Amino acid sequence: MIDRLHHLLRRLPRPLAVVFFLSAGWAAGVAAQPAPTTVAPAAMAPRVLACTVCHGKEGRATPDGYFPRIAGKPAGYLANQLINFRDGRRSYPQMTYLIEHLTDDYLREMAEHFAALDLPYPPPPPPQAPPAVLEQGRKLVQQGDAARNIPACVACHGAAMTGVAPSIPGLLGLPRDYLNSQLGAWKTGQRRAHAPDCMADIARQLTPEDVSAVSAWLAAQPVAAGGKPARTLPAAMPARCGGVADVPVAGR
């Protein structure tokens, strides 16, 4: 594990490598011993310092648009993504180096730690697209496009777009660059989920203009209700999605 961390440090920009080095002992220590059954919040905080190098203090995110906020996201969603990184369904070498030897139970402990953080969201940045593009994005998010078999984003991510517990993420409070990159990754197969991979199916129906419009509109919206995920969806989901359990699906 130490050799892997040294290799990773050589690939990072020097300022980031220095900060990462200070927290790298977390990953090495975790890999050297079996994962505990439970970890108290105070004990878990220093063990996830490596996460905050990219995701910001307490997982709040940073000005760098490619690292999303993880604080307050649904625990099931965070756990699924950690497992996906470890098992190769998502690809980002720095993530894989840190968690490839961690157990499912330990990854869930990490997810629960960040999910439990109740931290305010900053105001959104000014809109980064013309009004017509923002309106196109709003329509796709709130209404979808039935003619192209594109469901509304709110049908799965909730009317407030803050996600649904335990496994559906919110889409607000995320940088436009991150949203663009993830929709692009779904389209090209660089990001995958357990079958049935509903997001990949939806993303493949989106044009580059659709992706730009959706990400621009989402990034410009304030986060309602403190960003807390809804407990349930008001109606059945339009399609079954892998990794999302116990959610009714229309026509099923």
Protein backbone atom coordinates (compact mmCIF):
# COMPACT_ATOMS: atom_id res chain seq x y z
CA MET A 1 0.00 0.00 0.00
CA ILE A 2 2.81 2.43 0.85
CA ASP A 3 4.38 1.85 -2.58
CA ARG A 4 1.05 2.65 -4.19
CA LEU A 5 0.74 5.87 -2.21
CA HIS A 6 4.25 6.93 -3.21
CA HIS A 7 3.40 6.25 -6.85
CA LEU A 8 0.23 8.33 -6.49
CA LEU A 9 2.13 11.22 -4.90
CA ARG A 10 4.50 11.36 -7.86
CA ARG A 11 1.52 11.79 -10.17
CA LEU A 12 -0.08 14.66 -8.22
CA PRO A 13 0.80 18.37 -8.50
CA ARG A 14 3.33 19.25 -5.81
CA PRO A 15 0.99 21.36 -3.56
CA LEU A 16 -1.65 18.65 -3.61
CA ALA A 17 0.95 15.95 -3.02
CA VAL A 18 2.20 17.71 0.11
CA VAL A 19 -1.30 17.95 1.58
CA PHE A 20 -2.07 14.39 0.55
CA PHE A 21 1.09 13.14 2.25
CA LEU A 22 -0.13 14.56 5.55
CA SER A 23 -3.29 12.48 5.35
CA ALA A 24 -1.91 9.38 3.61
CA GLY A 25 -1.32 7.64 6.92
CA TRP A 26 -5.08 7.20 7.13
CA ALA A 27 -5.19 4.93 4.10
CA ALA A 28 -2.10 2.97 5.08
CA GLY A 29 -3.39 2.44 8.61
CA VAL A 30 -6.78 1.26 7.43
CA ALA A 31 -5.28 -1.20 4.95
CA ALA A 32 -3.00 -2.65 7.61
CA GLN A 33 -5.78 -3.87 9.85
CA PRO A 34 -9.23 -5.45 9.52
CA ALA A 35 -12.10 -3.02 9.25
CA PRO A 36 -13.88 -2.50 12.58
CA THR A 37 -17.52 -3.34 12.93
CA THR A 38 -18.40 0.23 13.90
CA VAL A 39 -16.40 3.43 14.13
CA ALA A 40 -17.45 6.36 16.31
CA PRO A 41 -17.77 9.68 14.42
CA ALA A 42 -14.88 11.22 16.36
CA ALA A 43 -12.67 8.25 15.45
CA MET A 44 -13.72 8.24 11.80
CA ALA A 45 -12.99 11.92 11.12
CA PRO A 46 -9.17 11.60 11.08
CA ARG A 47 -9.44 8.44 9.00
CA VAL A 48 -11.16 10.25 6.14
CA LEU A 49 -8.72 13.17 5.94
CA ALA A 50 -7.47 11.83 2.61
CA CYS A 51 -10.98 12.35 1.21
CA THR A 52 -10.92 16.03 2.13
CA VAL A 53 -7.78 16.69 0.07
CA CYS A 54 -9.96 16.65 -3.05
CA HIS A 55 -13.50 16.95 -1.70
CA GLY A 56 -12.76 19.87 0.61
CA LYS A 57 -12.97 20.35 4.36
CA GLU A 58 -15.64 18.03 5.78
CA GLY A 59 -16.53 17.02 2.23
CA ARG A 60 -18.01 20.44 1.40
CA ALA A 61 -16.29 20.52 -2.05
CA THR A 62 -13.72 23.03 -3.27
CA PRO A 63 -13.56 25.67 -6.03
CA ASP A 64 -12.12 23.02 -8.33
CA GLY A 65 -15.11 22.07 -10.44
CA TYR A 66 -14.29 18.38 -10.82
CA PHE A 67 -14.55 17.31 -7.17
CA PRO A 68 -18.14 17.09 -5.91
CA ARG A 69 -19.51 17.76 -2.46
CA ILE A 70 -20.05 14.54 -0.53
CA ALA A 71 -21.20 15.95 2.82
CA GLY A 72 -24.87 15.20 3.46
CA LYS A 73 -25.35 12.96 0.41
CA PRO A 74 -27.45 9.80 1.01
CA ALA A 75 -25.34 7.13 2.69
CA GLY A 76 -26.47 4.39 0.31
CA TYR A 77 -25.46 6.46 -2.69
CA LEU A 78 -22.03 7.27 -1.28
CA ALA A 79 -21.42 3.64 -0.37
CA ASN A 80 -22.44 2.50 -3.86
CA GLN A 81 -20.03 4.96 -5.45
CA LEU A 82 -17.12 3.93 -3.24
CA ILE A 83 -17.77 0.30 -4.12
CA ASN A 84 -18.08 1.21 -7.80
CA PHE A 85 -14.68 2.95 -7.71
CA ARG A 86 -13.11 0.00 -5.93
CA ASP A 87 -14.62 -2.54 -8.31
CA GLY A 88 -13.92 -0.63 -11.54
CA ARG A 89 -17.37 0.57 -12.54
CA ARG A 90 -16.08 4.11 -12.06
CA SER A 91 -12.56 5.12 -13.03
CA TYR A 92 -10.37 7.62 -11.18
CA PRO A 93 -6.92 6.29 -10.26
CA GLN A 94 -6.51 8.37 -7.09
CA MET A 95 -9.75 6.97 -5.67
CA THR A 96 -8.85 3.42 -6.59
CA TYR A 97 -5.43 3.65 -4.95
CA LEU A 98 -7.00 4.74 -1.68
CA ILE A 99 -9.83 2.25 -1.37
CA GLU A 100 -9.06 -0.82 -3.46
CA HIS A 101 -8.25 -2.94 -0.39
CA LEU A 102 -11.06 -1.70 1.86
CA THR A 103 -14.03 -3.91 2.70
CA ASP A 104 -17.67 -3.18 1.92
CA ASP A 105 -18.33 -2.64 5.62
CA TYR A 106 -15.56 -0.09 5.98
CA LEU A 107 -16.66 1.79 2.86
CA ARG A 108 -20.16 1.95 4.30
CA GLU A 109 -18.73 3.39 7.54
CA MET A 110 -17.05 6.11 5.48
CA ALA A 111 -20.27 6.80 3.59
CA GLU A 112 -22.29 7.06 6.79
CA HIS A 113 -19.76 9.50 8.24
CA PHE A 114 -20.12 11.94 5.35
CA ALA A 115 -23.87 11.41 5.01
CA ALA A 116 -24.36 12.45 8.64
CA LEU A 117 -22.65 15.84 8.15
CA ASP A 118 -25.28 18.60 8.21
CA LEU A 119 -23.48 21.58 6.67
CA PRO A 120 -24.86 24.62 4.84
CA TYR A 121 -24.52 25.00 1.11
CA PRO A 122 -23.01 28.18 -0.36
CA PRO A 123 -25.11 30.30 -2.76
CA PRO A 124 -24.92 29.12 -6.38
CA PRO A 125 -22.66 30.93 -8.83
CA PRO A 126 -24.20 33.28 -11.42
CA PRO A 127 -25.73 31.49 -14.43
CA GLN A 128 -23.10 30.42 -16.95
CA ALA A 129 -25.32 30.23 -20.03
CA PRO A 130 -27.79 32.42 -21.97
CA PRO A 131 -31.48 32.43 -20.89
CA ALA A 132 -32.56 30.22 -23.82
CA VAL A 133 -30.04 27.53 -22.87
CA LEU A 134 -31.08 27.70 -19.22
CA GLU A 135 -34.72 27.29 -20.23
CA GLN A 136 -33.83 24.23 -22.30
CA GLY A 137 -32.09 22.78 -19.26
CA ARG A 138 -35.01 23.57 -16.97
CA LYS A 139 -37.47 21.80 -19.26
CA LEU A 140 -35.36 18.65 -19.42
CA VAL A 141 -34.87 18.62 -15.65
CA GLN A 142 -38.48 19.30 -14.74
CA GLN A 143 -40.41 17.81 -17.68
CA GLY A 144 -38.06 15.54 -19.62
CA ASP A 145 -38.70 14.80 -23.30
CA ALA A 146 -41.16 11.97 -23.82
CA ALA A 147 -40.61 11.94 -27.59
CA ARG A 148 -36.98 10.92 -27.01
CA ASN A 149 -37.71 8.68 -24.03
CA ILE A 150 -35.93 11.06 -21.64
CA PRO A 151 -37.61 11.17 -18.23
CA ALA A 152 -37.54 14.31 -16.13
CA CYS A 153 -34.64 14.42 -13.68
CA VAL A 154 -37.11 15.22 -10.88
CA ALA A 155 -38.86 11.88 -11.47
CA CYS A 156 -35.95 10.09 -9.81
CA HIS A 157 -33.92 12.73 -7.96
CA GLY A 158 -36.91 14.34 -6.23
CA ALA A 159 -38.92 17.51 -6.78
CA ALA A 160 -36.38 19.57 -4.84
CA MET A 161 -33.49 17.84 -6.66
CA THR A 162 -31.86 17.01 -3.31
CA GLY A 163 -32.04 13.25 -3.81
CA VAL A 164 -33.99 10.50 -2.07
CA ALA A 165 -32.78 8.37 0.83
CA PRO A 166 -31.07 6.00 0.92
CA SER A 167 -29.53 5.70 -2.56
CA ILE A 168 -30.51 8.50 -4.97
CA PRO A 169 -28.22 11.56 -5.03
CA GLY A 170 -29.17 15.21 -5.23
CA LEU A 171 -28.11 17.14 -8.33
CA LEU A 172 -27.96 20.64 -6.85
CA GLY A 173 -24.95 22.23 -5.24
CA LEU A 174 -22.62 20.59 -7.78
CA PRO A 175 -20.24 22.45 -10.11
CA ARG A 176 -21.20 22.70 -13.75
CA ASP A 177 -17.89 21.16 -14.83
CA TYR A 178 -18.53 18.12 -12.64
CA LEU A 179 -22.07 17.67 -13.96
CA ASN A 180 -20.83 17.92 -17.54
CA SER A 181 -18.07 15.41 -16.96
CA GLN A 182 -20.34 12.87 -15.28
CA LEU A 183 -23.07 13.02 -17.92
CA GLY A 184 -20.35 12.64 -20.53
CA ALA A 185 -18.91 9.67 -18.66
CA TRP A 186 -22.32 7.99 -18.58
CA LYS A 187 -22.68 8.55 -22.35
CA THR A 188 -19.29 7.05 -23.19
CA GLY A 189 -19.38 4.16 -20.71
CA GLN A 190 -16.57 5.51 -18.54
CA ARG A 191 -18.99 5.60 -15.63
CA ARG A 192 -21.19 2.60 -15.00
CA ALA A 193 -23.51 1.25 -12.34
CA HIS A 194 -25.03 -2.08 -11.44
CA ALA A 195 -27.48 -3.32 -14.07
CA PRO A 196 -29.92 -2.09 -15.12
CA ASP A 197 -27.81 1.02 -15.73
CA CYS A 198 -30.64 3.52 -16.17
CA MET A 199 -28.43 6.64 -16.12
CA ALA A 200 -26.33 5.30 -18.98
CA ASP A 201 -29.49 4.65 -20.99
CA ILE A 202 -30.76 8.18 -20.33
CA ALA A 203 -27.42 9.90 -20.95
CA ARG A 204 -27.08 8.23 -24.34
CA GLN A 205 -30.30 9.98 -25.42
CA LEU A 206 -28.90 13.41 -24.56
CA THR A 207 -27.18 15.56 -27.17
CA PRO A 208 -24.09 17.61 -26.22
CA GLU A 209 -26.37 20.66 -26.23
CA ASP A 210 -28.76 18.92 -23.81
CA VAL A 211 -25.89 18.08 -21.45
CA SER A 212 -24.63 21.66 -21.49
CA ALA A 213 -28.10 23.06 -20.87
CA VAL A 214 -28.96 20.67 -18.03
CA SER A 215 -25.65 21.22 -16.25
CA ALA A 216 -25.88 25.01 -16.63
CA TRP A 217 -29.40 25.13 -15.17
CA LEU A 218 -28.67 22.76 -12.30
CA ALA A 219 -25.47 24.56 -11.29
CA ALA A 220 -27.31 27.90 -11.10
CA GLN A 221 -30.04 26.71 -8.70
CA PRO A 222 -30.01 27.33 -4.94
CA VAL A 223 -30.17 24.26 -2.73
CA ALA A 224 -33.49 23.97 -0.91
CA ALA A 225 -34.23 22.41 2.49
CA GLY A 226 -30.59 22.40 3.51
CA GLY A 227 -29.88 19.85 0.79
CA LYS A 228 -31.38 17.01 2.80
CA PRO A 229 -32.60 14.08 0.67
CA ALA A 230 -36.31 13.35 0.59
CA ARG A 231 -37.55 10.25 2.39
CA THR A 232 -39.61 9.01 -0.53
CA LEU A 233 -40.55 9.89 -4.09
CA PRO A 234 -44.11 11.17 -4.62
CA ALA A 235 -44.60 8.72 -7.52
CA ALA A 236 -43.03 5.59 -8.94
CA MET A 237 -39.72 5.91 -10.77
CA PRO A 238 -39.99 5.76 -14.58
CA ALA A 239 -37.41 2.95 -14.83
CA ARG A 240 -35.64 0.46 -12.60
CA CYS A 241 -32.08 1.43 -11.72
CA GLY A 242 -29.32 -0.79 -10.38
CA GLY A 243 -28.21 0.06 -6.87
CA VAL A 244 -31.57 1.65 -6.00
CA ALA A 245 -33.60 -0.75 -3.92
CA ASP A 246 -37.09 -0.57 -2.46
CA VAL A 247 -38.30 2.22 -4.75
CA PRO A 248 -41.51 1.57 -6.72
CA VAL A 249 -41.13 1.58 -10.52
CA ALA A 250 -43.93 2.56 -12.90
CA GLY A 251 -45.57 -0.43 -14.55
CA ARG A 252 -43.71 -2.97 -12.40
